[in-house]
Amino acid sequence: MYSYIFLTHGDLGNVLLETAGNIMDEDFSNRCLIYSMDFSMAEKLEVLKNDIRVDIDTFLSQGKKVIIFVDIFGGSPSNVAFTISKHSDVDVISGVNLAMVMYAFEHIDSGKEMDSMVSGILRTGSQNITSAKKLFQNDNETDKG
């Protein structure tokens, strides 16, 4: 069983959660928490870290593993997440996209081990990044062969 925390710039985490829920026709909001960051938060950073630590501890005490989704590696959200994800049942995934979120929701209660879950999320995310031109070019080359 998993719970997810979205720690992103702006409203991206909320949009990803809402969009995935709409596409999948399910409400996952009770298993997810959303945090948004902006550049004016420097003074509130320790409060934010503490709030997220408390949320992680709550999820862990419920027997859930926690994945924190951040939007970009090296950004403020990922830097915060990396400092608070030391527990073995907590991981951070950066570069989140909609396909990754949908995979995560599809397998939220699958019982997958953390390594397997993270691998599936990353694989799904990368498989959904493509160039239409290259994709069609490859199809045309296959048709000619």
N, C-alpha and C. Protein backbone atom coordinates (compact mmCIF):
# COMPACT_ATOMS: atom_id res chain seq x y z
N MET A 1 0.83 -1.18 0.00
CA MET A 1 0.00 0.00 0.00
C MET A 1 0.88 1.24 0.00
N TYR A 2 0.49 2.21 -0.81
CA TYR A 2 1.27 3.42 -0.98
C TYR A 2 0.43 4.66 -0.73
N SER A 3 1.11 5.70 -0.35
CA SER A 3 0.55 7.05 -0.34
C SER A 3 1.57 7.94 -1.03
N TYR A 4 1.09 9.03 -1.60
CA TYR A 4 1.95 9.89 -2.40
C TYR A 4 1.91 11.33 -1.90
N ILE A 5 3.06 11.96 -2.00
CA ILE A 5 3.17 13.38 -1.70
C ILE A 5 3.70 14.05 -2.96
N PHE A 6 3.03 15.09 -3.38
CA PHE A 6 3.47 15.88 -4.53
C PHE A 6 4.07 17.16 -3.97
N LEU A 7 5.32 17.41 -4.32
CA LEU A 7 6.02 18.61 -3.89
C LEU A 7 6.56 19.27 -5.14
N THR A 8 5.85 20.27 -5.64
CA THR A 8 6.15 20.84 -6.95
C THR A 8 6.14 22.36 -6.91
N HIS A 9 6.68 22.94 -7.96
CA HIS A 9 6.55 24.38 -8.16
C HIS A 9 5.10 24.66 -8.56
N GLY A 10 4.57 25.75 -8.06
CA GLY A 10 3.23 26.16 -8.45
C GLY A 10 2.19 25.11 -8.14
N ASP A 11 1.21 24.99 -8.99
CA ASP A 11 0.06 24.11 -8.77
C ASP A 11 0.18 22.79 -9.52
N LEU A 12 1.37 22.45 -10.00
CA LEU A 12 1.54 21.26 -10.83
C LEU A 12 1.07 19.99 -10.14
N GLY A 13 1.43 19.79 -8.89
CA GLY A 13 1.03 18.57 -8.18
C GLY A 13 -0.47 18.41 -8.13
N ASN A 14 -1.17 19.48 -7.82
CA ASN A 14 -2.62 19.44 -7.76
C ASN A 14 -3.23 19.14 -9.13
N VAL A 15 -2.69 19.74 -10.16
CA VAL A 15 -3.19 19.50 -11.52
C VAL A 15 -2.97 18.05 -11.94
N LEU A 16 -1.80 17.50 -11.63
CA LEU A 16 -1.53 16.10 -11.97
C LEU A 16 -2.48 15.16 -11.23
N LEU A 17 -2.68 15.39 -9.94
CA LEU A 17 -3.59 14.56 -9.15
C LEU A 17 -5.01 14.64 -9.68
N GLU A 18 -5.48 15.84 -9.93
CA GLU A 18 -6.84 16.04 -10.41
C GLU A 18 -7.04 15.45 -11.81
N THR A 19 -6.09 15.66 -12.69
CA THR A 19 -6.21 15.15 -14.07
C THR A 19 -6.19 13.63 -14.09
N ALA A 20 -5.27 13.03 -13.37
CA ALA A 20 -5.21 11.56 -13.31
C ALA A 20 -6.51 11.00 -12.73
N GLY A 21 -7.00 11.61 -11.68
CA GLY A 21 -8.26 11.16 -11.09
C GLY A 21 -9.42 11.26 -12.05
N ASN A 22 -9.47 12.34 -12.82
CA ASN A 22 -10.54 12.50 -13.80
C ASN A 22 -10.44 11.45 -14.90
N ILE A 23 -9.25 11.21 -15.42
CA ILE A 23 -9.07 10.21 -16.48
C ILE A 23 -9.42 8.82 -15.97
N MET A 24 -8.99 8.51 -14.76
CA MET A 24 -9.20 7.17 -14.20
C MET A 24 -10.55 7.04 -13.49
N ASP A 25 -11.28 8.14 -13.40
CA ASP A 25 -12.59 8.20 -12.76
C ASP A 25 -12.52 7.69 -11.31
N GLU A 26 -11.51 8.16 -10.58
CA GLU A 26 -11.34 7.81 -9.18
C GLU A 26 -10.84 9.03 -8.43
N ASP A 27 -11.11 9.06 -7.13
CA ASP A 27 -10.62 10.14 -6.28
C ASP A 27 -9.55 9.57 -5.37
N PHE A 28 -8.33 10.00 -5.59
CA PHE A 28 -7.19 9.52 -4.81
C PHE A 28 -6.75 10.54 -3.76
N SER A 29 -7.51 11.61 -3.61
CA SER A 29 -7.06 12.72 -2.76
C SER A 29 -6.86 12.30 -1.30
N ASN A 30 -7.55 11.25 -0.85
CA ASN A 30 -7.37 10.82 0.53
C ASN A 30 -6.05 10.07 0.74
N ARG A 31 -5.36 9.73 -0.33
CA ARG A 31 -4.08 9.02 -0.25
C ARG A 31 -2.92 9.88 -0.71
N CYS A 32 -3.18 11.16 -0.96
CA CYS A 32 -2.15 12.05 -1.48
C CYS A 32 -2.18 13.38 -0.74
N LEU A 33 -1.02 13.97 -0.65
CA LEU A 33 -0.92 15.32 -0.12
C LEU A 33 -0.18 16.17 -1.14
N ILE A 34 -0.58 17.41 -1.24
CA ILE A 34 -0.01 18.32 -2.22
C ILE A 34 0.68 19.47 -1.50
N TYR A 35 1.91 19.75 -1.89
CA TYR A 35 2.63 20.92 -1.42
C TYR A 35 3.13 21.67 -2.63
N SER A 36 2.97 22.96 -2.62
CA SER A 36 3.47 23.81 -3.69
C SER A 36 4.55 24.71 -3.14
N MET A 37 5.57 24.93 -3.94
CA MET A 37 6.67 25.79 -3.52
C MET A 37 6.82 26.94 -4.50
N ASP A 38 7.26 28.05 -3.97
CA ASP A 38 7.66 29.15 -4.83
C ASP A 38 8.93 29.75 -4.26
N PHE A 39 9.49 30.69 -4.95
CA PHE A 39 10.80 31.21 -4.57
C PHE A 39 10.76 32.09 -3.32
N SER A 40 9.60 32.48 -2.87
CA SER A 40 9.50 33.33 -1.69
C SER A 40 9.42 32.51 -0.40
N MET A 41 9.59 31.20 -0.49
CA MET A 41 9.40 30.34 0.68
C MET A 41 10.65 30.11 1.51
N ALA A 42 11.74 30.75 1.19
CA ALA A 42 13.01 30.49 1.88
C ALA A 42 12.87 30.58 3.40
N GLU A 43 12.12 31.57 3.88
CA GLU A 43 11.97 31.75 5.31
C GLU A 43 11.10 30.66 5.94
N LYS A 44 10.24 30.03 5.17
CA LYS A 44 9.31 29.03 5.68
C LYS A 44 9.78 27.60 5.40
N LEU A 45 10.98 27.43 4.91
CA LEU A 45 11.47 26.13 4.48
C LEU A 45 11.49 25.10 5.60
N GLU A 46 11.93 25.46 6.76
CA GLU A 46 11.99 24.51 7.88
C GLU A 46 10.59 24.08 8.31
N VAL A 47 9.64 25.01 8.27
CA VAL A 47 8.25 24.66 8.60
C VAL A 47 7.72 23.67 7.57
N LEU A 48 7.98 23.92 6.29
CA LEU A 48 7.54 23.02 5.23
C LEU A 48 8.14 21.63 5.41
N LYS A 49 9.45 21.57 5.66
CA LYS A 49 10.11 20.28 5.87
C LYS A 49 9.48 19.53 7.04
N ASN A 50 9.23 20.24 8.12
CA ASN A 50 8.62 19.61 9.29
C ASN A 50 7.22 19.10 8.98
N ASP A 51 6.42 19.88 8.28
CA ASP A 51 5.06 19.45 7.91
C ASP A 51 5.11 18.18 7.08
N ILE A 52 6.02 18.13 6.13
CA ILE A 52 6.12 16.94 5.27
C ILE A 52 6.62 15.75 6.08
N ARG A 53 7.57 15.96 6.98
CA ARG A 53 8.04 14.87 7.85
C ARG A 53 6.89 14.28 8.66
N VAL A 54 6.05 15.15 9.21
CA VAL A 54 4.89 14.70 9.99
C VAL A 54 3.96 13.87 9.10
N ASP A 55 3.71 14.34 7.88
CA ASP A 55 2.84 13.61 6.96
C ASP A 55 3.44 12.25 6.60
N ILE A 56 4.73 12.21 6.35
CA ILE A 56 5.40 10.94 6.05
C ILE A 56 5.25 9.99 7.23
N ASP A 57 5.52 10.47 8.43
CA ASP A 57 5.38 9.63 9.63
C ASP A 57 3.97 9.11 9.79
N THR A 58 2.98 9.95 9.49
CA THR A 58 1.58 9.51 9.58
C THR A 58 1.30 8.39 8.59
N PHE A 59 1.72 8.56 7.33
CA PHE A 59 1.52 7.51 6.33
C PHE A 59 2.24 6.22 6.75
N LEU A 60 3.49 6.35 7.20
CA LEU A 60 4.26 5.16 7.61
C LEU A 60 3.60 4.45 8.77
N SER A 61 3.06 5.20 9.72
CA SER A 61 2.39 4.59 10.88
C SER A 61 1.11 3.86 10.47
N GLN A 62 0.57 4.20 9.30
CA GLN A 62 -0.60 3.51 8.75
C GLN A 62 -0.20 2.30 7.92
N GLY A 63 1.10 2.01 7.89
CA GLY A 63 1.60 0.85 7.14
C GLY A 63 1.77 1.11 5.66
N LYS A 64 1.81 2.37 5.26
CA LYS A 64 1.94 2.71 3.85
C LYS A 64 3.38 3.11 3.53
N LYS A 65 3.80 2.78 2.33
CA LYS A 65 5.06 3.28 1.81
C LYS A 65 4.75 4.62 1.15
N VAL A 66 5.75 5.48 1.08
CA VAL A 66 5.52 6.84 0.60
C VAL A 66 6.44 7.15 -0.57
N ILE A 67 5.86 7.65 -1.63
CA ILE A 67 6.63 8.17 -2.75
C ILE A 67 6.34 9.66 -2.86
N ILE A 68 7.42 10.43 -2.91
CA ILE A 68 7.31 11.88 -3.08
C ILE A 68 7.63 12.19 -4.53
N PHE A 69 6.69 12.79 -5.22
CA PHE A 69 6.87 13.19 -6.61
C PHE A 69 7.28 14.66 -6.64
N VAL A 70 8.39 14.95 -7.31
CA VAL A 70 8.83 16.32 -7.51
C VAL A 70 8.94 16.59 -9.00
N ASP A 71 8.87 17.85 -9.37
CA ASP A 71 8.78 18.19 -10.79
C ASP A 71 10.10 18.18 -11.52
N ILE A 72 11.18 18.58 -10.88
CA ILE A 72 12.45 18.67 -11.60
C ILE A 72 13.61 18.40 -10.65
N PHE A 73 14.53 17.59 -11.09
CA PHE A 73 15.71 17.27 -10.30
C PHE A 73 16.55 18.53 -10.10
N GLY A 74 16.97 18.77 -8.87
CA GLY A 74 17.82 19.92 -8.58
C GLY A 74 17.07 21.18 -8.22
N GLY A 75 15.74 21.16 -8.39
CA GLY A 75 14.94 22.32 -8.01
C GLY A 75 14.69 22.32 -6.51
N SER A 76 14.13 23.39 -6.01
CA SER A 76 13.86 23.50 -4.58
C SER A 76 13.01 22.35 -4.05
N PRO A 77 11.94 21.94 -4.75
CA PRO A 77 11.16 20.81 -4.23
C PRO A 77 11.99 19.53 -4.08
N SER A 78 12.83 19.23 -5.07
CA SER A 78 13.62 18.00 -4.95
C SER A 78 14.66 18.13 -3.85
N ASN A 79 15.25 19.30 -3.70
CA ASN A 79 16.22 19.50 -2.63
C ASN A 79 15.59 19.30 -1.26
N VAL A 80 14.38 19.80 -1.07
CA VAL A 80 13.66 19.59 0.19
C VAL A 80 13.34 18.11 0.36
N ALA A 81 12.79 17.49 -0.66
CA ALA A 81 12.39 16.08 -0.57
C ALA A 81 13.57 15.17 -0.26
N PHE A 82 14.70 15.41 -0.90
CA PHE A 82 15.87 14.55 -0.67
C PHE A 82 16.34 14.62 0.77
N THR A 83 16.17 15.75 1.43
CA THR A 83 16.65 15.88 2.81
C THR A 83 15.74 15.19 3.81
N ILE A 84 14.51 14.85 3.41
CA ILE A 84 13.57 14.25 4.37
C ILE A 84 13.14 12.84 3.99
N SER A 85 13.84 12.22 3.08
CA SER A 85 13.41 10.90 2.57
C SER A 85 14.37 9.78 2.97
N LYS A 86 14.86 9.82 4.17
CA LYS A 86 15.89 8.86 4.60
C LYS A 86 15.33 7.48 4.97
N HIS A 87 14.06 7.35 5.21
CA HIS A 87 13.44 6.09 5.62
C HIS A 87 13.42 5.11 4.44
N SER A 88 13.57 3.82 4.73
CA SER A 88 13.62 2.81 3.65
C SER A 88 12.29 2.68 2.90
N ASP A 89 11.19 3.08 3.51
CA ASP A 89 9.89 3.00 2.85
C ASP A 89 9.46 4.33 2.25
N VAL A 90 10.44 5.20 1.99
CA VAL A 90 10.18 6.50 1.37
C VAL A 90 11.15 6.67 0.21
N ASP A 91 10.63 7.11 -0.94
CA ASP A 91 11.50 7.42 -2.07
C ASP A 91 11.02 8.71 -2.72
N VAL A 92 11.91 9.31 -3.49
CA VAL A 92 11.61 10.55 -4.21
C VAL A 92 11.80 10.28 -5.69
N ILE A 93 10.82 10.66 -6.48
CA ILE A 93 10.91 10.54 -7.94
C ILE A 93 10.81 11.94 -8.54
N SER A 94 11.81 12.30 -9.32
CA SER A 94 11.79 13.63 -9.95
C SER A 94 11.43 13.52 -11.42
N GLY A 95 10.96 14.63 -11.96
CA GLY A 95 10.57 14.67 -13.37
C GLY A 95 9.20 14.06 -13.60
N VAL A 96 8.31 14.20 -12.65
CA VAL A 96 7.00 13.55 -12.72
C VAL A 96 6.20 14.01 -13.93
N ASN A 97 5.53 13.06 -14.56
CA ASN A 97 4.59 13.38 -15.64
C ASN A 97 3.28 12.62 -15.40
N LEU A 98 2.27 12.91 -16.17
CA LEU A 98 0.95 12.33 -15.96
C LEU A 98 0.95 10.82 -16.07
N ALA A 99 1.68 10.26 -17.01
CA ALA A 99 1.73 8.80 -17.16
C ALA A 99 2.27 8.14 -15.89
N MET A 100 3.27 8.77 -15.28
CA MET A 100 3.84 8.23 -14.05
C MET A 100 2.81 8.23 -12.92
N VAL A 101 2.08 9.31 -12.81
CA VAL A 101 1.07 9.43 -11.76
C VAL A 101 -0.02 8.40 -11.96
N MET A 102 -0.45 8.21 -13.19
CA MET A 102 -1.49 7.22 -13.45
C MET A 102 -1.01 5.81 -13.13
N TYR A 103 0.22 5.49 -13.48
CA TYR A 103 0.79 4.18 -13.14
C TYR A 103 0.80 4.02 -11.62
N ALA A 104 1.25 5.06 -10.92
CA ALA A 104 1.32 4.99 -9.46
C ALA A 104 -0.06 4.74 -8.86
N PHE A 105 -1.08 5.43 -9.36
CA PHE A 105 -2.43 5.22 -8.85
C PHE A 105 -2.95 3.83 -9.21
N GLU A 106 -2.64 3.38 -10.40
CA GLU A 106 -3.09 2.06 -10.84
C GLU A 106 -2.54 0.96 -9.93
N HIS A 107 -1.36 1.19 -9.36
CA HIS A 107 -0.70 0.17 -8.54
C HIS A 107 -0.62 0.57 -7.06
N ILE A 108 -1.46 1.48 -6.62
CA ILE A 108 -1.38 2.04 -5.27
C ILE A 108 -1.54 0.96 -4.19
N ASP A 109 -2.33 -0.06 -4.45
CA ASP A 109 -2.55 -1.13 -3.48
C ASP A 109 -2.06 -2.48 -3.98
N SER A 110 -1.10 -2.46 -4.89
CA SER A 110 -0.63 -3.70 -5.52
C SER A 110 0.24 -4.56 -4.62
N GLY A 111 0.78 -3.98 -3.57
CA GLY A 111 1.69 -4.72 -2.71
C GLY A 111 3.10 -4.82 -3.27
N LYS A 112 3.37 -4.10 -4.35
CA LYS A 112 4.72 -4.12 -4.94
C LYS A 112 5.74 -3.60 -3.95
N GLU A 113 6.91 -4.20 -3.98
CA GLU A 113 8.04 -3.69 -3.21
C GLU A 113 8.43 -2.32 -3.77
N MET A 114 9.07 -1.52 -2.95
CA MET A 114 9.43 -0.16 -3.35
C MET A 114 10.25 -0.15 -4.63
N ASP A 115 11.27 -1.00 -4.73
CA ASP A 115 12.12 -1.02 -5.94
C ASP A 115 11.30 -1.31 -7.20
N SER A 116 10.40 -2.27 -7.11
CA SER A 116 9.57 -2.63 -8.25
C SER A 116 8.61 -1.51 -8.63
N MET A 117 8.03 -0.89 -7.62
CA MET A 117 7.09 0.22 -7.87
C MET A 117 7.81 1.38 -8.53
N VAL A 118 8.94 1.77 -7.98
CA VAL A 118 9.69 2.90 -8.53
C VAL A 118 10.14 2.58 -9.95
N SER A 119 10.62 1.37 -10.19
CA SER A 119 11.03 0.98 -11.55
C SER A 119 9.88 1.08 -12.53
N GLY A 120 8.70 0.62 -12.12
CA GLY A 120 7.53 0.70 -12.99
C GLY A 120 7.13 2.12 -13.29
N ILE A 121 7.18 2.98 -12.29
CA ILE A 121 6.84 4.39 -12.48
C ILE A 121 7.83 5.05 -13.44
N LEU A 122 9.11 4.81 -13.21
CA LEU A 122 10.13 5.43 -14.07
C LEU A 122 10.04 4.91 -15.51
N ARG A 123 9.83 3.61 -15.66
CA ARG A 123 9.72 3.02 -16.99
C ARG A 123 8.51 3.61 -17.74
N THR A 124 7.39 3.71 -17.06
CA THR A 124 6.19 4.27 -17.68
C THR A 124 6.41 5.73 -18.07
N GLY A 125 7.04 6.48 -17.18
CA GLY A 125 7.30 7.88 -17.49
C GLY A 125 8.17 8.04 -18.72
N SER A 126 9.24 7.27 -18.80
CA SER A 126 10.15 7.41 -19.95
C SER A 126 9.54 6.87 -21.23
N GLN A 127 8.70 5.83 -21.13
CA GLN A 127 8.06 5.29 -22.33
C GLN A 127 7.08 6.28 -22.94
N ASN A 128 6.61 7.20 -22.15
CA ASN A 128 5.64 8.18 -22.64
C ASN A 128 6.27 9.49 -23.04
N ILE A 129 7.57 9.51 -23.15
CA ILE A 129 8.28 10.68 -23.66
C ILE A 129 8.81 10.31 -25.04
N THR A 130 8.30 10.97 -26.04
CA THR A 130 8.67 10.62 -27.40
C THR A 130 8.55 11.82 -28.32
N SER A 131 9.09 11.68 -29.47
CA SER A 131 8.94 12.67 -30.53
C SER A 131 8.01 12.07 -31.58
N ALA A 132 6.95 12.76 -31.90
CA ALA A 132 6.01 12.24 -32.90
C ALA A 132 6.72 12.03 -34.23
N LYS A 133 7.58 12.96 -34.58
CA LYS A 133 8.29 12.85 -35.84
C LYS A 133 9.13 11.57 -35.88
N LYS A 134 9.86 11.30 -34.83
CA LYS A 134 10.68 10.09 -34.78
C LYS A 134 9.82 8.84 -34.73
N LEU A 135 8.72 8.90 -34.04
CA LEU A 135 7.81 7.77 -33.95
C LEU A 135 7.25 7.42 -35.32
N PHE A 136 6.76 8.43 -36.03
CA PHE A 136 6.21 8.19 -37.36
C PHE A 136 7.29 7.81 -38.36
N GLN A 137 8.46 8.36 -38.20
CA GLN A 137 9.59 8.02 -39.06
C GLN A 137 9.92 6.53 -38.90
N ASN A 138 9.92 6.04 -37.67
CA ASN A 138 10.20 4.63 -37.42
C ASN A 138 9.09 3.75 -38.01
N ASP A 139 7.83 4.18 -37.90
CA ASP A 139 6.72 3.42 -38.48
C ASP A 139 6.85 3.33 -39.99
N ASN A 140 7.21 4.44 -40.63
CA ASN A 140 7.37 4.45 -42.09
C ASN A 140 8.50 3.54 -42.53
N GLU A 141 9.59 3.53 -41.78
CA GLU A 141 10.72 2.66 -42.12
C GLU A 141 10.33 1.19 -41.97
N THR A 142 9.50 0.86 -40.98
CA THR A 142 9.04 -0.50 -40.79
C THR A 142 8.13 -0.93 -41.94
N ASP A 143 7.25 0.00 -42.38
CA ASP A 143 6.33 -0.31 -43.49
C ASP A 143 7.10 -0.56 -44.79
N LYS A 144 8.23 0.11 -45.00
CA LYS A 144 9.00 -0.04 -46.23
C LYS A 144 9.78 -1.35 -46.24
N GLY A 145 10.14 -1.83 -45.06
CA GLY A 145 11.01 -2.99 -44.95
C GLY A 145 10.32 -4.24 -45.21
